[in-house]
C-alpha atoms as a PDB file:
ATOM      1  CA  MET A   1      21.266   3.144 -46.759  1.00  0.00           C
ATOM      2  CA  GLY A   2      20.040   3.119 -43.162  1.00  0.00           C
ATOM      3  CA  LEU A   3      20.893  -0.499 -42.403  1.00  0.00           C
ATOM      4  CA  PRO A   4      24.534   0.010 -41.249  1.00  0.00           C
ATOM      5  CA  ASN A   5      23.457   2.646 -38.691  1.00  0.00           C
ATOM      6  CA  ALA A   6      20.593   0.460 -37.498  1.00  0.00           C
ATOM      7  CA  SER A   7      22.982  -2.473 -37.106  1.00  0.00           C
ATOM      8  CA  ALA A   8      25.431  -0.309 -35.165  1.00  0.00           C
ATOM      9  CA  ASP A   9      22.654   0.950 -32.868  1.00  0.00           C
ATOM     10  CA  LEU A  10      21.496  -2.603 -32.184  1.00  0.00           C
ATOM     11  CA  SER A  11      25.039  -3.714 -31.454  1.00  0.00           C
ATOM     12  CA  SER A  12      25.486  -0.780 -29.079  1.00  0.00           C
ATOM     13  CA  GLU A  13      22.227  -1.613 -27.257  1.00  0.00           C
ATOM     14  CA  MET A  14      23.338  -5.230 -26.856  1.00  0.00           C
ATOM     15  CA  GLU A  15      26.680  -4.111 -25.418  1.00  0.00           C
ATOM     16  CA  VAL A  16      24.939  -1.829 -22.907  1.00  0.00           C
ATOM     17  CA  ASP A  17      22.539  -4.600 -21.909  1.00  0.00           C
ATOM     18  CA  ALA A  18      25.415  -7.068 -21.495  1.00  0.00           C
ATOM     19  CA  PHE A  19      27.335  -4.564 -19.363  1.00  0.00           C
ATOM     20  CA  ARG A  20      24.239  -3.983 -17.230  1.00  0.00           C
ATOM     21  CA  ARG A  21      23.828  -7.715 -16.611  1.00  0.00           C
ATOM     22  CA  LEU A  22      27.494  -8.442 -15.937  1.00  0.00           C
ATOM     23  CA  PHE A  23      28.363  -5.348 -13.911  1.00  0.00           C
ATOM     24  CA  PRO A  24      25.067  -3.987 -12.536  1.00  0.00           C
ATOM     25  CA  LEU A  25      26.613  -1.905  -9.759  1.00  0.00           C
ATOM     26  CA  ARG A  26      29.105  -0.207 -12.077  1.00  0.00           C
ATOM     27  CA  TYR A  27      26.279   0.387 -14.539  1.00  0.00           C
ATOM     28  CA  TYR A  28      24.252   2.181 -11.865  1.00  0.00           C
ATOM     29  CA  GLU A  29      27.249   4.099 -10.556  1.00  0.00           C
ATOM     30  CA  ARG A  30      27.786   5.635 -13.987  1.00  0.00           C
ATOM     31  CA  HIS A  31      24.217   6.944 -13.865  1.00  0.00           C
ATOM     32  CA  LEU A  32      24.453   8.064 -10.246  1.00  0.00           C
ATOM     33  CA  ALA A  33      27.500  10.149 -11.080  1.00  0.00           C
ATOM     34  CA  GLU A  34      25.174  12.141 -13.350  1.00  0.00           C
ATOM     35  CA  SER A  35      22.440  12.287 -10.651  1.00  0.00           C
ATOM     36  CA  ILE A  36      20.081  10.260 -12.806  1.00  0.00           C
ATOM     37  CA  ARG A  37      18.826   6.681 -12.948  1.00  0.00           C
ATOM     38  CA  PRO A  38      18.507   4.231 -15.854  1.00  0.00           C
ATOM     39  CA  ASP A  39      14.752   4.898 -16.080  1.00  0.00           C
ATOM     40  CA  ALA A  40      15.513   8.641 -16.463  1.00  0.00           C
ATOM     41  CA  ARG A  41      14.266   9.565 -12.992  1.00  0.00           C
ATOM     42  CA  ARG A  42      16.131  11.998 -10.757  1.00  0.00           C
ATOM     43  CA  LEU A  43      17.467  10.376  -7.594  1.00  0.00           C
ATOM     44  CA  GLY A  44      14.775  11.785  -5.303  1.00  0.00           C
ATOM     45  CA  THR A  45      11.847  11.298  -7.670  1.00  0.00           C
ATOM     46  CA  ALA A  46       9.233   8.579  -7.146  1.00  0.00           C
ATOM     47  CA  ARG A  47       7.629   6.668 -10.008  1.00  0.00           C
ATOM     48  CA  ASP A  48       4.278   7.636 -11.499  1.00  0.00           C
ATOM     49  CA  THR A  49       1.473   6.568  -9.179  1.00  0.00           C
ATOM     50  CA  THR A  50      -2.201   5.847  -9.835  1.00  0.00           C
ATOM     51  CA  VAL A  51      -5.120   4.627  -7.733  1.00  0.00           C
ATOM     52  CA  ALA A  52      -8.525   3.302  -8.787  1.00  0.00           C
ATOM     53  CA  LEU A  53     -11.185   3.022  -6.077  1.00  0.00           C
ATOM     54  CA  GLY A  54     -13.899   0.366  -6.165  1.00  0.00           C
ATOM     55  CA  ALA A  55     -11.830  -2.113  -8.163  1.00  0.00           C
ATOM     56  CA  VAL A  56     -13.624  -5.112  -6.585  1.00  0.00           C
ATOM     57  CA  ALA A  57     -17.409  -4.826  -6.842  1.00  0.00           C
ATOM     58  CA  SER A  58     -18.125  -7.586  -4.302  1.00  0.00           C
ATOM     59  CA  ALA A  59     -15.972  -5.963  -1.593  1.00  0.00           C
ATOM     60  CA  ASP A  60     -17.143  -3.366   0.920  1.00  0.00           C
ATOM     61  CA  GLY A  61     -14.111  -1.258   0.037  1.00  0.00           C
ATOM     62  CA  SER A  62     -11.337  -1.761  -2.498  1.00  0.00           C
ATOM     63  CA  ALA A  63      -8.554  -0.075  -4.439  1.00  0.00           C
ATOM     64  CA  LEU A  64      -6.072  -0.855  -7.183  1.00  0.00           C
ATOM     65  CA  VAL A  65      -2.739   0.955  -6.821  1.00  0.00           C
ATOM     66  CA  LYS A  66       0.179   1.169  -9.222  1.00  0.00           C
ATOM     67  CA  ILE A  67       3.558   2.688  -8.370  1.00  0.00           C
ATOM     68  CA  GLY A  68       5.555   2.283 -11.533  1.00  0.00           C
ATOM     69  CA  SER A  69       5.098  -1.398 -12.337  1.00  0.00           C
ATOM     70  CA  THR A  70       4.466  -2.412  -8.725  1.00  0.00           C
ATOM     71  CA  THR A  71       0.750  -3.216  -8.524  1.00  0.00           C
ATOM     72  CA  MET A  72      -1.411  -3.872  -5.459  1.00  0.00           C
ATOM     73  CA  LEU A  73      -5.072  -4.810  -5.135  1.00  0.00           C
ATOM     74  CA  ALA A  74      -6.643  -4.200  -1.721  1.00  0.00           C
ATOM     75  CA  ALA A  75     -10.119  -5.417  -0.757  1.00  0.00           C
ATOM     76  CA  ILE A  76     -12.092  -5.228   2.505  1.00  0.00           C
ATOM     77  CA  LYS A  77     -14.870  -7.533   3.658  1.00  0.00           C
ATOM     78  CA  MET A  78     -16.889  -6.692   6.753  1.00  0.00           C
ATOM     79  CA  GLU A  79     -18.307  -9.379   9.053  1.00  0.00           C
ATOM     80  CA  VAL A  80     -20.200  -9.188  12.341  1.00  0.00           C
ATOM     81  CA  MET A  81     -18.437 -10.762  15.329  1.00  0.00           C
ATOM     82  CA  ALA A  82     -18.691 -10.889  19.104  1.00  0.00           C
ATOM     83  CA  PRO A  83     -16.242  -8.373  20.610  1.00  0.00           C
ATOM     84  CA  SER A  84     -13.644  -9.467  23.132  1.00  0.00           C
ATOM     85  CA  THR A  85     -14.351  -9.093  26.834  1.00  0.00           C
ATOM     86  CA  GLU A  86     -11.280  -6.848  27.130  1.00  0.00           C
ATOM     87  CA  SER A  87     -12.623  -4.435  24.480  1.00  0.00           C
ATOM     88  CA  PRO A  88     -16.433  -4.774  24.479  1.00  0.00           C
ATOM     89  CA  ASP A  89     -16.895  -1.467  22.625  1.00  0.00           C
ATOM     90  CA  GLU A  90     -14.374  -2.054  19.852  1.00  0.00           C
ATOM     91  CA  GLY A  91     -14.247  -3.906  16.568  1.00  0.00           C
ATOM     92  CA  CYS A  92     -11.179  -5.414  14.932  1.00  0.00           C
ATOM     93  CA  ILE A  93      -9.212  -5.216  11.724  1.00  0.00           C
ATOM     94  CA  ALA A  94      -7.251  -8.156  10.318  1.00  0.00           C
ATOM     95  CA  ILE A  95      -4.636  -7.379   7.664  1.00  0.00           C
ATOM     96  CA  ASP A  96      -3.077  -9.958   5.376  1.00  0.00           C
ATOM     97  CA  PHE A  97      -0.611  -9.472   2.533  1.00  0.00           C
ATOM     98  CA  HIS A  98      -0.453 -12.017  -0.280  1.00  0.00           C
ATOM     99  CA  MET A  99       2.225 -12.630  -2.900  1.00  0.00           C
ATOM    100  CA  PRO A 100       0.937 -15.120  -5.487  1.00  0.00           C
ATOM    101  CA  PRO A 101       3.463 -16.618  -7.945  1.00  0.00           C
ATOM    102  CA  ILE A 102       2.158 -14.353 -10.702  1.00  0.00           C
ATOM    103  CA  CYS A 103       3.678 -11.280  -9.023  1.00  0.00           C
ATOM    104  CA  SER A 104       7.335 -12.203  -9.487  1.00  0.00           C
ATOM    105  CA  PRO A 105       9.551 -14.930 -10.980  1.00  0.00           C
ATOM    106  CA  LEU A 106      11.189 -15.124  -7.551  1.00  0.00           C
ATOM    107  CA  VAL A 107       7.964 -16.439  -5.977  1.00  0.00           C
ATOM    108  CA  ARG A 108       7.556 -20.172  -6.550  1.00  0.00           C
ATOM    109  CA  PRO A 109       4.215 -22.012  -6.604  1.00  0.00           C
ATOM    110  CA  GLY A 110       3.560 -23.883  -3.369  1.00  0.00           C
ATOM    111  CA  ARG A 111       6.211 -21.949  -1.459  1.00  0.00           C
ATOM    112  CA  PRO A 112       5.128 -18.824   0.459  1.00  0.00           C
ATOM    113  CA  ALA A 113       7.127 -15.702  -0.311  1.00  0.00           C
ATOM    114  CA  GLU A 114       9.466 -14.726   2.508  1.00  0.00           C
ATOM    115  CA  ALA A 115       8.492 -11.073   2.212  1.00  0.00           C
ATOM    116  CA  ALA A 116       4.742 -11.675   2.662  1.00  0.00           C
ATOM    117  CA  PRO A 117       4.581 -12.164   6.476  1.00  0.00           C
ATOM    118  CA  VAL A 118       7.095  -9.352   6.987  1.00  0.00           C
ATOM    119  CA  VAL A 119       4.995  -6.881   4.988  1.00  0.00           C
ATOM    120  CA  SER A 120       1.803  -8.127   6.700  1.00  0.00           C
ATOM    121  CA  LYS A 121       3.223  -7.388  10.144  1.00  0.00           C
ATOM    122  CA  GLN A 122       4.640  -4.050   9.041  1.00  0.00           C
ATOM    123  CA  LEU A 123       1.263  -3.027   7.622  1.00  0.00           C
ATOM    124  CA  THR A 124      -0.585  -4.076  10.784  1.00  0.00           C
ATOM    125  CA  ASP A 125       1.870  -2.261  13.055  1.00  0.00           C
ATOM    126  CA  THR A 126       1.760   0.887  10.923  1.00  0.00           C
ATOM    127  CA  ILE A 127      -2.020   1.111  10.510  1.00  0.00           C
ATOM    128  CA  LEU A 128      -2.759   0.430  14.173  1.00  0.00           C
ATOM    129  CA  SER A 129       0.007   2.666  15.560  1.00  0.00           C
ATOM    130  CA  SER A 130      -0.981   5.556  13.285  1.00  0.00           C
ATOM    131  CA  ASN A 131      -4.403   5.751  14.998  1.00  0.00           C
ATOM    132  CA  MET A 132      -6.027   6.270  11.614  1.00  0.00           C
ATOM    133  CA  ILE A 133      -8.924   4.031  12.694  1.00  0.00           C
ATOM    134  CA  ASP A 134     -10.906   4.431  15.893  1.00  0.00           C
ATOM    135  CA  LEU A 135     -11.863   0.813  16.617  1.00  0.00           C
ATOM    136  CA  LYS A 136     -14.843   2.044  18.622  1.00  0.00           C
ATOM    137  CA  GLU A 137     -16.361   3.129  15.310  1.00  0.00           C
ATOM    138  CA  LEU A 138     -16.617  -0.554  14.466  1.00  0.00           C
ATOM    139  CA  SER A 139     -18.789  -1.321  17.496  1.00  0.00           C
ATOM    140  CA  LEU A 140     -22.463  -2.224  16.901  1.00  0.00           C
ATOM    141  CA  VAL A 141     -23.887  -3.269  20.274  1.00  0.00           C
ATOM    142  CA  SER A 142     -21.649  -2.946  23.307  1.00  0.00           C
ATOM    143  CA  GLY A 143     -20.410  -6.326  24.467  1.00  0.00           C
ATOM    144  CA  LYS A 144     -22.537  -8.184  21.908  1.00  0.00           C
ATOM    145  CA  ALA A 145     -21.651  -7.286  18.330  1.00  0.00           C
ATOM    146  CA  ALA A 146     -18.947  -5.441  16.444  1.00  0.00           C
ATOM    147  CA  TRP A 147     -17.420  -5.345  13.004  1.00  0.00           C
ATOM    148  CA  MET A 148     -14.432  -7.412  11.946  1.00  0.00           C
ATOM    149  CA  ALA A 149     -12.786  -5.791   8.916  1.00  0.00           C
ATOM    150  CA  TYR A 150     -10.790  -8.263   6.827  1.00  0.00           C
ATOM    151  CA  LEU A 151      -8.306  -6.299   4.739  1.00  0.00           C
ATOM    152  CA  ASP A 152      -6.498  -8.401   2.137  1.00  0.00           C
ATOM    153  CA  ILE A 153      -3.830  -6.946  -0.105  1.00  0.00           C
ATOM    154  CA  TYR A 154      -2.682  -8.887  -3.165  1.00  0.00           C
ATOM    155  CA  CYS A 155       0.589  -8.095  -4.902  1.00  0.00           C
ATOM    156  CA  LEU A 156      -0.015  -8.447  -8.642  1.00  0.00           C
ATOM    157  CA  ASP A 157       3.398  -7.180  -9.766  1.00  0.00           C
ATOM    158  CA  ALA A 158       6.397  -6.926  -7.442  1.00  0.00           C
ATOM    159  CA  ASP A 159       8.792  -4.341  -8.851  1.00  0.00           C
ATOM    160  CA  GLY A 160      10.143  -2.838  -5.651  1.00  0.00           C
ATOM    161  CA  CYS A 161       8.778  -0.849  -2.692  1.00  0.00           C
ATOM    162  CA  LEU A 162       6.166  -3.466  -1.829  1.00  0.00           C
ATOM    163  CA  PHE A 163       5.365  -1.950   1.550  1.00  0.00           C
ATOM    164  CA  ASP A 164       4.840   1.563   0.139  1.00  0.00           C
ATOM    165  CA  ALA A 165       2.416   0.331  -2.515  1.00  0.00           C
ATOM    166  CA  ALA A 166       0.625  -2.024  -0.107  1.00  0.00           C
ATOM    167  CA  LEU A 167       0.173   0.716   2.499  1.00  0.00           C
ATOM    168  CA  PHE A 168      -1.191   3.159  -0.081  1.00  0.00           C
ATOM    169  CA  ALA A 169      -3.582   0.473  -1.365  1.00  0.00           C
ATOM    170  CA  ALA A 170      -4.736  -0.256   2.193  1.00  0.00           C
ATOM    171  CA  VAL A 171      -5.330   3.440   2.967  1.00  0.00           C
ATOM    172  CA  ALA A 172      -7.177   3.896  -0.341  1.00  0.00           C
ATOM    173  CA  ALA A 173      -9.401   0.844   0.278  1.00  0.00           C
ATOM    174  CA  LEU A 174     -10.227   2.064   3.795  1.00  0.00           C
ATOM    175  CA  SER A 175     -11.071   5.488   2.348  1.00  0.00           C
ATOM    176  CA  HIS A 176     -13.438   3.799  -0.104  1.00  0.00           C
ATOM    177  CA  LEU A 177     -15.011   1.509   2.525  1.00  0.00           C
ATOM    178  CA  GLN A 178     -18.752   1.696   3.138  1.00  0.00           C
ATOM    179  CA  ILE A 179     -19.935  -0.052   6.282  1.00  0.00           C
ATOM    180  CA  PRO A 180     -22.967  -2.235   5.440  1.00  0.00           C
ATOM    181  CA  ILE A 181     -26.444  -1.916   6.956  1.00  0.00           C
ATOM    182  CA  VAL A 182     -27.207  -4.476   9.642  1.00  0.00           C
ATOM    183  CA  SER A 183     -30.396  -5.286  11.542  1.00  0.00           C
ATOM    184  CA  LEU A 184     -31.780  -7.363  14.402  1.00  0.00           C
ATOM    185  CA  ASN A 185     -33.513 -10.564  13.284  1.00  0.00           C
ATOM    186  CA  ASP A 186     -36.360 -12.348  15.094  1.00  0.00           C
ATOM    187  CA  ASP A 187     -33.862 -14.168  17.338  1.00  0.00           C
ATOM    188  CA  GLY A 188     -32.270 -10.935  18.444  1.00  0.00           C
ATOM    189  CA  ARG A 189     -29.138 -11.606  16.412  1.00  0.00           C
ATOM    190  CA  ILE A 190     -27.466  -8.985  14.240  1.00  0.00           C
ATOM    191  CA  VAL A 191     -27.439  -9.862  10.549  1.00  0.00           C
ATOM    192  CA  THR A 192     -26.330  -7.992   7.434  1.00  0.00           C
ATOM    193  CA  MET A 193     -29.259  -6.650   5.423  1.00  0.00           C
ATOM    194  CA  SER A 194     -29.363  -7.650   1.780  1.00  0.00           C
ATOM    195  CA  GLU A 195     -29.994  -5.184  -1.032  1.00  0.00           C
ATOM    196  CA  GLU A 196     -33.503  -6.625  -1.359  1.00  0.00           C
ATOM    197  CA  ASP A 197     -34.151  -5.816   2.300  1.00  0.00           C
ATOM    198  CA  GLU A 198     -32.914  -2.250   1.776  1.00  0.00           C
ATOM    199  CA  GLU A 199     -34.967  -1.664  -1.358  1.00  0.00           C
ATOM    200  CA  GLY A 200     -38.083  -3.319   0.050  1.00  0.00           C
ATOM    201  CA  LYS A 201     -37.903  -1.382   3.312  1.00  0.00           C
ATOM    202  CA  SER A 202     -37.612  -4.466   5.456  1.00  0.00           C
ATOM    203  CA  LYS A 203     -39.566  -4.628   8.685  1.00  0.00           C
ATOM    204  CA  LYS A 204     -36.413  -5.723  10.515  1.00  0.00           C
ATOM    205  CA  ASN A 205     -35.059  -3.243  13.023  1.00  0.00           C
ATOM    206  CA  PRO A 206     -31.897  -1.709  11.499  1.00  0.00           C
ATOM    207  CA  VAL A 207     -28.976  -1.102  13.845  1.00  0.00           C
ATOM    208  CA  ASN A 208     -27.462   1.409  11.437  1.00  0.00           C
ATOM    209  CA  LYS A 209     -30.007   2.946   9.059  1.00  0.00           C
ATOM    210  CA  GLU A 210     -27.719   3.558   6.093  1.00  0.00           C
ATOM    211  CA  LYS A 211     -24.314   2.682   4.758  1.00  0.00           C
ATOM    212  CA  ARG A 212     -21.671   4.947   6.169  1.00  0.00           C
ATOM    213  CA  LYS A 213     -18.054   5.806   5.560  1.00  0.00           C
ATOM    214  CA  LEU A 214     -15.434   4.979   8.131  1.00  0.00           C
ATOM    215  CA  MET A 215     -14.079   8.137   9.728  1.00  0.00           C
ATOM    216  CA  LEU A 216     -10.327   8.160   9.168  1.00  0.00           C
ATOM    217  CA  LYS A 217      -7.710  10.442  10.625  1.00  0.00           C
ATOM    218  CA  SER A 218      -3.938  10.716  10.435  1.00  0.00           C
ATOM    219  CA  LEU A 219      -3.633   8.750   7.194  1.00  0.00           C
ATOM    220  CA  PRO A 220      -0.191   7.105   7.000  1.00  0.00           C
ATOM    221  CA  PHE A 221       1.916   7.233   3.834  1.00  0.00           C
ATOM    222  CA  SER A 222       5.423   5.946   3.306  1.00  0.00           C
ATOM    223  CA  LEU A 223       8.481   6.279   1.110  1.00  0.00           C
ATOM    224  CA  THR A 224      11.268   3.735   0.865  1.00  0.00           C
ATOM    225  CA  SER A 225      14.688   4.964  -0.194  1.00  0.00           C
ATOM    226  CA  ILE A 226      18.071   3.381  -0.833  1.00  0.00           C
ATOM    227  CA  LEU A 227      21.189   4.676   0.911  1.00  0.00           C
ATOM    228  CA  TYR A 228      24.260   4.079  -1.247  1.00  0.00           C
ATOM    229  CA  LYS A 229      27.496   5.935  -0.519  1.00  0.00           C
ATOM    230  CA  ASN A 230      26.431   9.597  -0.534  1.00  0.00           C
ATOM    231  CA  TYR A 231      23.380   8.952  -2.709  1.00  0.00           C
ATOM    232  CA  ILE A 232      19.716   8.591  -1.744  1.00  0.00           C
ATOM    233  CA  LEU A 233      17.456   6.892  -4.284  1.00  0.00           C
ATOM    234  CA  ALA A 234      13.742   7.350  -3.624  1.00  0.00           C
ATOM    235  CA  ASP A 235      11.202   4.668  -4.537  1.00  0.00           C
ATOM    236  CA  PRO A 236      13.647   2.028  -5.859  1.00  0.00           C
ATOM    237  CA  THR A 237      12.717  -0.652  -8.353  1.00  0.00           C
ATOM    238  CA  ALA A 238      13.241  -4.342  -7.602  1.00  0.00           C
ATOM    239  CA  GLU A 239      16.484  -4.244  -9.595  1.00  0.00           C
ATOM    240  CA  GLU A 240      17.778  -1.309  -7.571  1.00  0.00           C
ATOM    241  CA  GLU A 241      16.817  -3.016  -4.310  1.00  0.00           C
ATOM    242  CA  SER A 242      18.709  -6.169  -5.313  1.00  0.00           C
ATOM    243  CA  ILE A 243      21.887  -4.267  -6.216  1.00  0.00           C
ATOM    244  CA  MET A 244      22.001  -1.688  -3.418  1.00  0.00           C
ATOM    245  CA  GLU A 245      20.671  -3.377  -0.303  1.00  0.00           C
ATOM    246  CA  THR A 246      20.476  -0.624   2.328  1.00  0.00           C
ATOM    247  CA  LEU A 247      16.815   0.393   2.510  1.00  0.00           C
ATOM    248  CA  VAL A 248      15.176   2.998   4.718  1.00  0.00           C
ATOM    249  CA  THR A 249      11.395   3.371   4.981  1.00  0.00           C
ATOM    250  CA  VAL A 250       9.897   6.482   6.556  1.00  0.00           C
ATOM    251  CA  VAL A 251       6.187   6.567   7.414  1.00  0.00           C
ATOM    252  CA  LEU A 252       4.544   9.936   8.007  1.00  0.00           C
ATOM    253  CA  ASP A 253       0.887  10.739   8.526  1.00  0.00           C
ATOM    254  CA  SER A 254      -1.063  13.301   6.519  1.00  0.00           C
ATOM    255  CA  SER A 255       0.018  15.983   9.011  1.00  0.00           C
ATOM    256  CA  SER A 256       3.705  15.097   8.457  1.00  0.00           C
ATOM    257  CA  ARG A 257       4.075  13.525  11.892  1.00  0.00           C
ATOM    258  CA  LEU A 258       6.492  10.588  12.079  1.00  0.00           C
ATOM    259  CA  VAL A 259       4.647   7.280  12.469  1.00  0.00           C
ATOM    260  CA  SER A 260       7.527   4.847  12.079  1.00  0.00           C
ATOM    261  CA  PHE A 261      11.022   4.394  10.712  1.00  0.00           C
ATOM    262  CA  TYR A 262      12.266   1.094   9.297  1.00  0.00           C
ATOM    263  CA  LYS A 263      15.748   0.062   8.295  1.00  0.00           C
ATOM    264  CA  PRO A 264      15.342  -3.647   7.538  1.00  0.00           C
ATOM    265  CA  GLY A 265      18.858  -4.376   6.335  1.00  0.00           C
ATOM    266  CA  GLY A 266      22.037  -3.316   4.618  1.00  0.00           C
ATOM    267  CA  SER A 267      25.518  -2.490   5.800  1.00  0.00           C
ATOM    268  CA  VAL A 268      25.353   1.303   5.536  1.00  0.00           C
ATOM    269  CA  LEU A 269      24.585   3.167   8.749  1.00  0.00           C
ATOM    270  CA  ALA A 270      21.676   5.589   8.635  1.00  0.00           C
ATOM    271  CA  TYR A 271      23.424   8.829   9.576  1.00  0.00           C
ATOM    272  CA  THR A 272      21.390  11.705  10.974  1.00  0.00           C
ATOM    273  CA  SER A 273      21.793  13.815   7.835  1.00  0.00           C
ATOM    274  CA  ALA A 274      20.686  10.907   5.629  1.00  0.00           C
ATOM    275  CA  VAL A 275      17.645  10.262   7.823  1.00  0.00           C
ATOM    276  CA  GLN A 276      16.696  13.943   7.679  1.00  0.00           C
ATOM    277  CA  ASP A 277      16.964  13.869   3.890  1.00  0.00           C
ATOM    278  CA  CYS A 278      14.783  10.743   3.753  1.00  0.00           C
ATOM    279  CA  VAL A 279      12.172  12.414   5.960  1.00  0.00           C
ATOM    280  CA  ALA A 280      12.189  15.494   3.695  1.00  0.00           C
ATOM    281  CA  LEU A 281      11.680  13.307   0.617  1.00  0.00           C
ATOM    282  CA  THR A 282       8.862  11.458   2.401  1.00  0.00           C
ATOM    283  CA  ARG A 283       7.178  14.708   3.361  1.00  0.00           C
ATOM    284  CA  GLN A 284       7.015  15.694  -0.304  1.00  0.00           C
ATOM    285  CA  ARG A 285       5.815  12.213  -1.252  1.00  0.00           C
ATOM    286  CA  VAL A 286       3.004  12.396   1.322  1.00  0.00           C
ATOM    287  CA  LYS A 287       1.689  15.550  -0.379  1.00  0.00           C
ATOM    288  CA  GLU A 288       1.745  13.785  -3.760  1.00  0.00           C
ATOM    289  CA  LEU A 289      -0.036  10.651  -2.505  1.00  0.00           C
ATOM    290  CA  LYS A 290      -2.639  12.618  -0.558  1.00  0.00           C
ATOM    291  CA  GLN A 291      -3.462  14.661  -3.655  1.00  0.00           C
ATOM    292  CA  ILE A 292      -3.732  11.508  -5.797  1.00  0.00           C
ATOM    293  CA  LEU A 293      -6.080   9.920  -3.240  1.00  0.00           C
ATOM    294  CA  ASP A 294      -8.176  13.079  -2.819  1.00  0.00           C
ATOM    295  CA  GLU A 295      -8.660  13.312  -6.595  1.00  0.00           C
ATOM    296  CA  ALA A 296      -9.730   9.656  -6.750  1.00  0.00           C
ATOM    297  CA  ILE A 297     -12.244  10.134  -3.915  1.00  0.00           C
ATOM    298  CA  THR A 298     -13.604  13.316  -5.515  1.00  0.00           C
ATOM    299  CA  GLY A 299     -14.015  11.466  -8.814  1.00  0.00           C
ATOM    300  CA  ILE A 300     -16.049   8.731  -7.092  1.00  0.00           C
ATOM    301  CA  GLU A 301     -18.270  11.286  -5.331  1.00  0.00           C
ATOM    302  CA  ILE A 302     -18.951  13.158  -8.595  1.00  0.00           C
ATOM    303  CA  ASP A 303     -19.955   9.939 -10.367  1.00  0.00           C
END
């Protein structure tokens, strides 16, 4: 008795799916008129977000972040280097963003994703300009040795807002980072102490006596939104980004100070009122992300 209704429901679903594929913009406009999106989110609502610290055991700091389906894995490896003559009391941080073919059908094997170097530069500019890291904290011996922090972020699933997820993963990994113990060897060179050295109370002269956290301040968080007509869609999916191209990314620090503002493309002008609305949405998003990160850090400390 239920088969006719089931058949009708299936036919209706197929018609909706066909309409969505053939006329994606009209499909979205019907939802926008009701101030809702196809995934049932309100226009200004971001997707569910999670973070897991310590996702890579071999790294000095790591985090796995998911914003909706968008997934990022960030890992940090610390190495001792000779500081530059211009900054003898500072270390360095090198940030690289990777998009392997597994992350999206749009990324082809053997061909680097166009978005990867753009996101890498945006991440570097944002993290350094936010002053979240005092590079002098990475100094070991003035003019002789300092830390080089290699921060690699891998996109495992690219479903929109790549920069937002990558930045949150980077901040989370830096929050989880523990700077290794190093010592002076017989030649006067600084070397990283192994776990055996630590447990056996090595006779080498340690430069730093225990692992330590990196002191962070002014943590940057971001929210990308779409401007379409008189609508603002927060945290768009890849489908939404492909249909409505005008993106605006606002980066605020944990004290709600503006770090940067990006408008990479699109034909719609970013009017003052729209920018103010985007900043207000970002301010709320910063509170959400900070709470998520604080809870993850507290969970690690309790364990």
